[in-house]
């Protein structure tokens, strides 16, 4: 059995329904998630690039390209 809300609560329900249907700000949240993912990826790249093994490989690659 479903009960209907009291008449004094109906305007409040209308406002909540309107807020739930409104998608303003969702694009901003999506941009924030993408930026956080990009920053995390950049952090991983920095950690990888600082490792000695990767620096050696890149140095050899650059030296090989410059010696042509």
PDB file of N, CA and C in Angstrom:
ATOM      1  N   UNK A   1       0.839  -1.168   0.000  1.00  0.00           N
ATOM      2  CA  UNK A   1       0.000   0.000   0.000  1.00  0.00           C
ATOM      3  C   UNK A   1       0.893   1.242   0.000  1.00  0.00           C
ATOM      4  N   UNK A   2       0.663   2.121  -0.929  1.00  0.00           N
ATOM      5  CA  UNK A   2       1.468   3.335  -1.062  1.00  0.00           C
ATOM      6  C   UNK A   2       0.701   4.513  -0.502  1.00  0.00           C
ATOM      7  N   UNK A   3       1.378   5.237   0.341  1.00  0.00           N
ATOM      8  CA  UNK A   3       0.727   6.413   0.913  1.00  0.00           C
ATOM      9  C   UNK A   3       1.244   7.646   0.207  1.00  0.00           C
ATOM     10  N   UNK A   4       0.394   8.622   0.075  1.00  0.00           N
ATOM     11  CA  UNK A   4       0.804   9.878  -0.542  1.00  0.00           C
ATOM     12  C   UNK A   4       1.284  10.809   0.551  1.00  0.00           C
ATOM     13  N   UNK A   5       2.289  11.613   0.260  1.00  0.00           N
ATOM     14  CA  UNK A   5       2.800  12.519   1.286  1.00  0.00           C
ATOM     15  C   UNK A   5       1.775  13.584   1.644  1.00  0.00           C
ATOM     16  N   UNK A   6       1.932  14.095   2.814  1.00  0.00           N
ATOM     17  CA  UNK A   6       1.033  15.156   3.267  1.00  0.00           C
ATOM     18  C   UNK A   6       1.204  16.365   2.353  1.00  0.00           C
ATOM     19  N   UNK A   7       0.160  17.162   2.180  1.00  0.00           N
ATOM     20  CA  UNK A   7       0.238  18.313   1.268  1.00  0.00           C
ATOM     21  C   UNK A   7       1.376  19.279   1.600  1.00  0.00           C
ATOM     22  N   UNK A   8       1.758  19.391   2.848  1.00  0.00           N
ATOM     23  CA  UNK A   8       2.820  20.337   3.190  1.00  0.00           C
ATOM     24  C   UNK A   8       4.185  19.838   2.726  1.00  0.00           C
ATOM     25  N   UNK A   9       4.334  18.549   2.440  1.00  0.00           N
ATOM     26  CA  UNK A   9       5.606  18.000   1.994  1.00  0.00           C
ATOM     27  C   UNK A   9       5.741  17.959   0.468  1.00  0.00           C
ATOM     28  N   UNK A  10       4.660  18.211  -0.231  1.00  0.00           N
ATOM     29  CA  UNK A  10       4.709  18.126  -1.693  1.00  0.00           C
ATOM     30  C   UNK A  10       5.665  19.133  -2.323  1.00  0.00           C
ATOM     31  N   UNK A  11       5.712  20.390  -1.893  1.00  0.00           N
ATOM     32  CA  UNK A  11       6.687  21.312  -2.496  1.00  0.00           C
ATOM     33  C   UNK A  11       8.127  20.835  -2.271  1.00  0.00           C
ATOM     34  N   UNK A  12       8.393  20.265  -1.101  1.00  0.00           N
ATOM     35  CA  UNK A  12       9.725  19.750  -0.822  1.00  0.00           C
ATOM     36  C   UNK A  12      10.056  18.602  -1.764  1.00  0.00           C
ATOM     37  N   UNK A  13       9.116  17.716  -2.004  1.00  0.00           N
ATOM     38  CA  UNK A  13       9.344  16.611  -2.930  1.00  0.00           C
ATOM     39  C   UNK A  13       9.565  17.106  -4.348  1.00  0.00           C
ATOM     40  N   UNK A  14       8.828  18.122  -4.754  1.00  0.00           N
ATOM     41  CA  UNK A  14       9.012  18.683  -6.098  1.00  0.00           C
ATOM     42  C   UNK A  14      10.415  19.251  -6.257  1.00  0.00           C
ATOM     43  N   UNK A  15      10.874  19.957  -5.218  1.00  0.00           N
ATOM     44  CA  UNK A  15      12.230  20.516  -5.287  1.00  0.00           C
ATOM     45  C   UNK A  15      13.281  19.414  -5.363  1.00  0.00           C
ATOM     46  N   UNK A  16      13.111  18.359  -4.578  1.00  0.00           N
ATOM     47  CA  UNK A  16      14.080  17.251  -4.613  1.00  0.00           C
ATOM     48  C   UNK A  16      14.063  16.559  -5.975  1.00  0.00           C
ATOM     49  N   UNK A  17      12.892  16.345  -6.521  1.00  0.00           N
ATOM     50  CA  UNK A  17      12.813  15.714  -7.842  1.00  0.00           C
ATOM     51  C   UNK A  17      13.477  16.587  -8.894  1.00  0.00           C
ATOM     52  N   UNK A  18      13.258  17.898  -8.807  1.00  0.00           N
ATOM     53  CA  UNK A  18      13.880  18.808  -9.763  1.00  0.00           C
ATOM     54  C   UNK A  18      15.398  18.778  -9.621  1.00  0.00           C
ATOM     55  N   UNK A  19      15.895  18.707  -8.394  1.00  0.00           N
ATOM     56  CA  UNK A  19      17.345  18.644  -8.186  1.00  0.00           C
ATOM     57  C   UNK A  19      17.931  17.343  -8.710  1.00  0.00           C
ATOM     58  N   UNK A  20      17.217  16.267  -8.520  1.00  0.00           N
ATOM     59  CA  UNK A  20      17.724  14.974  -8.990  1.00  0.00           C
ATOM     60  C   UNK A  20      17.726  14.888 -10.515  1.00  0.00           C
ATOM     61  N   UNK A  21      16.789  15.558 -11.162  1.00  0.00           N
ATOM     62  CA  UNK A  21      16.746  15.567 -12.623  1.00  0.00           C
ATOM     63  C   UNK A  21      17.749  16.537 -13.219  1.00  0.00           C
ATOM     64  N   UNK A  22      18.124  17.542 -12.458  1.00  0.00           N
ATOM     65  CA  UNK A  22      19.037  18.570 -12.944  1.00  0.00           C
ATOM     66  C   UNK A  22      20.453  18.004 -12.997  1.00  0.00           C
ATOM     67  N   UNK A  23      21.103  18.125 -14.155  1.00  0.00           N
ATOM     68  CA  UNK A  23      22.454  17.588 -14.288  1.00  0.00           C
ATOM     69  C   UNK A  23      23.511  18.686 -14.374  1.00  0.00           C
ATOM     70  N   UNK A  24      23.168  19.887 -13.948  1.00  0.00           N
ATOM     71  CA  UNK A  24      24.176  20.951 -13.926  1.00  0.00           C
ATOM     72  C   UNK A  24      25.268  20.575 -12.934  1.00  0.00           C
ATOM     73  N   UNK A  25      26.504  20.825 -13.325  1.00  0.00           N
ATOM     74  CA  UNK A  25      27.630  20.500 -12.470  1.00  0.00           C
ATOM     75  C   UNK A  25      28.218  19.122 -12.736  1.00  0.00           C
ATOM     76  N   UNK A  26      27.499  18.277 -13.471  1.00  0.00           N
ATOM     77  CA  UNK A  26      28.029  16.938 -13.734  1.00  0.00           C
ATOM     78  C   UNK A  26      29.250  17.000 -14.646  1.00  0.00           C
ATOM     79  N   UNK A  27      29.265  17.935 -15.583  1.00  0.00           N
ATOM     80  CA  UNK A  27      30.432  18.066 -16.464  1.00  0.00           C
ATOM     81  C   UNK A  27      31.652  18.498 -15.657  1.00  0.00           C
ATOM     82  N   UNK A  28      31.454  19.371 -14.697  1.00  0.00           N
ATOM     83  CA  UNK A  28      32.563  19.803 -13.856  1.00  0.00           C
ATOM     84  C   UNK A  28      33.121  18.637 -13.065  1.00  0.00           C
ATOM     85  N   UNK A  29      32.249  17.798 -12.544  1.00  0.00           N
ATOM     86  CA  UNK A  29      32.702  16.622 -11.796  1.00  0.00           C
ATOM     87  C   UNK A  29      33.459  15.665 -12.710  1.00  0.00           C
ATOM     88  N   UNK A  30      32.989  15.514 -13.935  1.00  0.00           N
ATOM     89  CA  UNK A  30      33.681  14.636 -14.884  1.00  0.00           C
ATOM     90  C   UNK A  30      35.071  15.184 -15.213  1.00  0.00           C
ATOM     91  N   UNK A  31      35.173  16.496 -15.395  1.00  0.00           N
ATOM     92  CA  UNK A  31      36.478  17.103 -15.644  1.00  0.00           C
ATOM     93  C   UNK A  31      37.413  16.881 -14.464  1.00  0.00           C
ATOM     94  N   UNK A  32      36.883  17.000 -13.265  1.00  0.00           N
ATOM     95  CA  UNK A  32      37.706  16.798 -12.069  1.00  0.00           C
ATOM     96  C   UNK A  32      38.241  15.373 -12.010  1.00  0.00           C
ATOM     97  N   UNK A  33      37.419  14.402 -12.343  1.00  0.00           N
ATOM     98  CA  UNK A  33      37.862  13.005 -12.340  1.00  0.00           C
ATOM     99  C   UNK A  33      38.935  12.787 -13.401  1.00  0.00           C
ATOM    100  N   UNK A  34      38.747  13.358 -14.573  1.00  0.00           N
ATOM    101  CA  UNK A  34      39.734  13.208 -15.651  1.00  0.00           C
ATOM    102  C   UNK A  34      41.058  13.866 -15.262  1.00  0.00           C
ATOM    103  N   UNK A  35      40.996  15.036 -14.647  1.00  0.00           N
ATOM    104  CA  UNK A  35      42.223  15.714 -14.224  1.00  0.00           C
ATOM    105  C   UNK A  35      42.945  14.905 -13.157  1.00  0.00           C
ATOM    106  N   UNK A  36      42.210  14.349 -12.205  1.00  0.00           N
ATOM    107  CA  UNK A  36      42.838  13.514 -11.181  1.00  0.00           C
ATOM    108  C   UNK A  36      43.500  12.286 -11.796  1.00  0.00           C
ATOM    109  N   UNK A  37      42.848  11.677 -12.773  1.00  0.00           N
ATOM    110  CA  UNK A  37      43.439  10.514 -13.442  1.00  0.00           C
ATOM    111  C   UNK A  37      44.698  10.910 -14.196  1.00  0.00           C
ATOM    112  N   UNK A  38      44.685  12.068 -14.842  1.00  0.00           N
ATOM    113  CA  UNK A  38      45.866  12.529 -15.577  1.00  0.00           C
ATOM    114  C   UNK A  38      47.022  12.816 -14.627  1.00  0.00           C
ATOM    115  N   UNK A  39      46.727  13.403 -13.482  1.00  0.00           N
ATOM    116  CA  UNK A  39      47.774  13.689 -12.498  1.00  0.00           C
ATOM    117  C   UNK A  39      48.362  12.385 -11.954  1.00  0.00           C
ATOM    118  N   UNK A  40      47.502  11.407 -11.689  1.00  0.00           N
ATOM    119  CA  UNK A  40      47.990  10.112 -11.206  1.00  0.00           C
ATOM    120  C   UNK A  40      48.875   9.447 -12.259  1.00  0.00           C
ATOM    121  N   UNK A  41      48.453   9.504 -13.509  1.00  0.00           N
ATOM    122  CA  UNK A  41      49.247   8.921 -14.595  1.00  0.00           C
ATOM    123  C   UNK A  41      50.589   9.635 -14.728  1.00  0.00           C
ATOM    124  N   UNK A  42      50.585  10.948 -14.608  1.00  0.00           N
ATOM    125  CA  UNK A  42      51.833  11.718 -14.672  1.00  0.00           C
ATOM    126  C   UNK A  42      52.760  11.335 -13.522  1.00  0.00           C
ATOM    127  N   UNK A  43      52.191  11.103 -12.348  1.00  0.00           N
ATOM    128  CA  UNK A  43      52.993  10.674 -11.209  1.00  0.00           C
ATOM    129  C   UNK A  43      53.657   9.334 -11.451  1.00  0.00           C
ATOM    130  N   UNK A  44      52.915   8.411 -12.053  1.00  0.00           N
ATOM    131  CA  UNK A  44      53.485   7.102 -12.383  1.00  0.00           C
ATOM    132  C   UNK A  44      54.598   7.262 -13.411  1.00  0.00           C
ATOM    133  N   UNK A  45      54.378   8.103 -14.420  1.00  0.00           N
ATOM    134  CA  UNK A  45      55.414   8.329 -15.432  1.00  0.00           C
ATOM    135  C   UNK A  45      56.685   8.921 -14.822  1.00  0.00           C
ATOM    136  N   UNK A  46      56.524   9.860 -13.907  1.00  0.00           N
ATOM    137  CA  UNK A  46      57.691  10.455 -13.259  1.00  0.00           C
ATOM    138  C   UNK A  46      58.452   9.401 -12.472  1.00  0.00           C
ATOM    139  N   UNK A  47      57.728   8.548 -11.761  1.00  0.00           N
ATOM    140  CA  UNK A  47      58.390   7.496 -10.985  1.00  0.00           C
ATOM    141  C   UNK A  47      59.137   6.534 -11.898  1.00  0.00           C
ATOM    142  N   UNK A  48      58.547   6.194 -13.034  1.00  0.00           N
ATOM    143  CA  UNK A  48      59.199   5.278 -13.973  1.00  0.00           C
ATOM    144  C   UNK A  48      60.410   5.945 -14.607  1.00  0.00           C
ATOM    145  N   UNK A  49      60.278   7.203 -14.975  1.00  0.00           N
ATOM    146  CA  UNK A  49      61.380   7.903 -15.642  1.00  0.00           C
ATOM    147  C   UNK A  49      62.567   8.122 -14.707  1.00  0.00           C
ATOM    148  N   UNK A  50      62.336   8.166 -13.427  1.00  0.00           N
ATOM    149  CA  UNK A  50      63.432   8.385 -12.478  1.00  0.00           C
ATOM    150  C   UNK A  50      64.202   7.100 -12.174  1.00  0.00           C
ATOM    151  N   UNK A  51      63.671   5.969 -12.563  1.00  0.00           N
ATOM    152  CA  UNK A  51      64.388   4.728 -12.278  1.00  0.00           C
ATOM    153  C   UNK A  51      65.657   4.668 -13.127  1.00  0.00           C
ATOM    154  N   UNK A  52      66.693   4.108 -12.566  1.00  0.00           N
ATOM    155  CA  UNK A  52      67.990   4.060 -13.242  1.00  0.00           C
ATOM    156  C   UNK A  52      67.970   3.271 -14.534  1.00  0.00           C
ATOM    157  N   UNK A  53      67.229   2.192 -14.538  1.00  0.00           N
ATOM    158  CA  UNK A  53      67.173   1.342 -15.735  1.00  0.00           C
ATOM    159  C   UNK A  53      66.561   2.087 -16.918  1.00  0.00           C
ATOM    160  N   UNK A  54      65.485   2.794 -16.688  1.00  0.00           N
ATOM    161  CA  UNK A  54      64.825   3.534 -17.757  1.00  0.00           C
ATOM    162  C   UNK A  54      65.709   4.687 -18.225  1.00  0.00           C
ATOM    163  N   UNK A  55      66.379   5.358 -17.306  1.00  0.00           N
ATOM    164  CA  UNK A  55      67.279   6.451 -17.699  1.00  0.00           C
ATOM    165  C   UNK A  55      68.406   5.932 -18.581  1.00  0.00           C
ATOM    166  N   UNK A  56      68.921   4.758 -18.256  1.00  0.00           N
ATOM    167  CA  UNK A  56      69.985   4.162 -19.075  1.00  0.00           C
ATOM    168  C   UNK A  56      69.479   3.863 -20.476  1.00  0.00           C
ATOM    169  N   UNK A  57      68.308   3.274 -20.572  1.00  0.00           N
ATOM    170  CA  UNK A  57      67.734   2.934 -21.881  1.00  0.00           C
ATOM    171  C   UNK A  57      67.512   4.203 -22.704  1.00  0.00           C
ATOM    172  N   UNK A  58      66.953   5.235 -22.081  1.00  0.00           N
ATOM    173  CA  UNK A  58      66.694   6.483 -22.815  1.00  0.00           C
ATOM    174  C   UNK A  58      67.994   7.168 -23.232  1.00  0.00           C
ATOM    175  N   UNK A  59      68.984   7.142 -22.368  1.00  0.00           N
ATOM    176  CA  UNK A  59      70.280   7.752 -22.708  1.00  0.00           C
ATOM    177  C   UNK A  59      70.890   7.050 -23.906  1.00  0.00           C
ATOM    178  N   UNK A  60      70.862   5.721 -23.898  1.00  0.00           N
ATOM    179  CA  UNK A  60      71.405   4.952 -25.034  1.00  0.00           C
ATOM    180  C   UNK A  60      70.619   5.230 -26.310  1.00  0.00           C
ATOM    181  N   UNK A  61      69.308   5.377 -26.173  1.00  0.00           N
ATOM    182  CA  UNK A  61      68.462   5.656 -27.335  1.00  0.00           C
ATOM    183  C   UNK A  61      68.811   7.018 -27.924  1.00  0.00           C
ATOM    184  N   UNK A  62      68.995   8.019 -27.089  1.00  0.00           N
ATOM    185  CA  UNK A  62      69.330   9.362 -27.578  1.00  0.00           C
ATOM    186  C   UNK A  62      70.731   9.372 -28.196  1.00  0.00           C
ATOM    187  N   UNK A  63      71.677   8.717 -27.555  1.00  0.00           N
ATOM    188  CA  UNK A  63      73.030   8.660 -28.101  1.00  0.00           C
ATOM    189  C   UNK A  63      73.054   7.963 -29.468  1.00  0.00           C
ATOM    190  N   UNK A  64      72.276   6.894 -29.576  1.00  0.00           N
ATOM    191  CA  UNK A  64      72.193   6.176 -30.850  1.00  0.00           C
ATOM    192  C   UNK A  64      71.568   7.043 -31.937  1.00  0.00           C
ATOM    193  N   UNK A  65      70.558   7.822 -31.566  1.00  0.00           N
ATOM    194  CA  UNK A  65      69.899   8.685 -32.557  1.00  0.00           C
ATOM    195  C   UNK A  65      70.821   9.826 -32.971  1.00  0.00           C
ATOM    196  N   UNK A  66      71.622  10.347 -32.052  1.00  0.00           N
ATOM    197  CA  UNK A  66      72.519  11.459 -32.386  1.00  0.00           C
ATOM    198  C   UNK A  66      73.751  11.020 -33.144  1.00  0.00           C
ATOM    199  N   UNK A  67      74.113   9.762 -33.062  1.00  0.00           N
ATOM    200  CA  UNK A  67      75.321   9.297 -33.749  1.00  0.00           C
ATOM    201  C   UNK A  67      75.082   8.961 -35.215  1.00  0.00           C
ATOM    202  N   UNK A  68      73.828   8.999 -35.651  1.00  0.00           N
ATOM    203  CA  UNK A  68      73.545   8.680 -37.057  1.00  0.00           C
ATOM    204  C   UNK A  68      74.062   9.747 -37.909  1.00  0.00           C
TER     205      UNK A  68
END
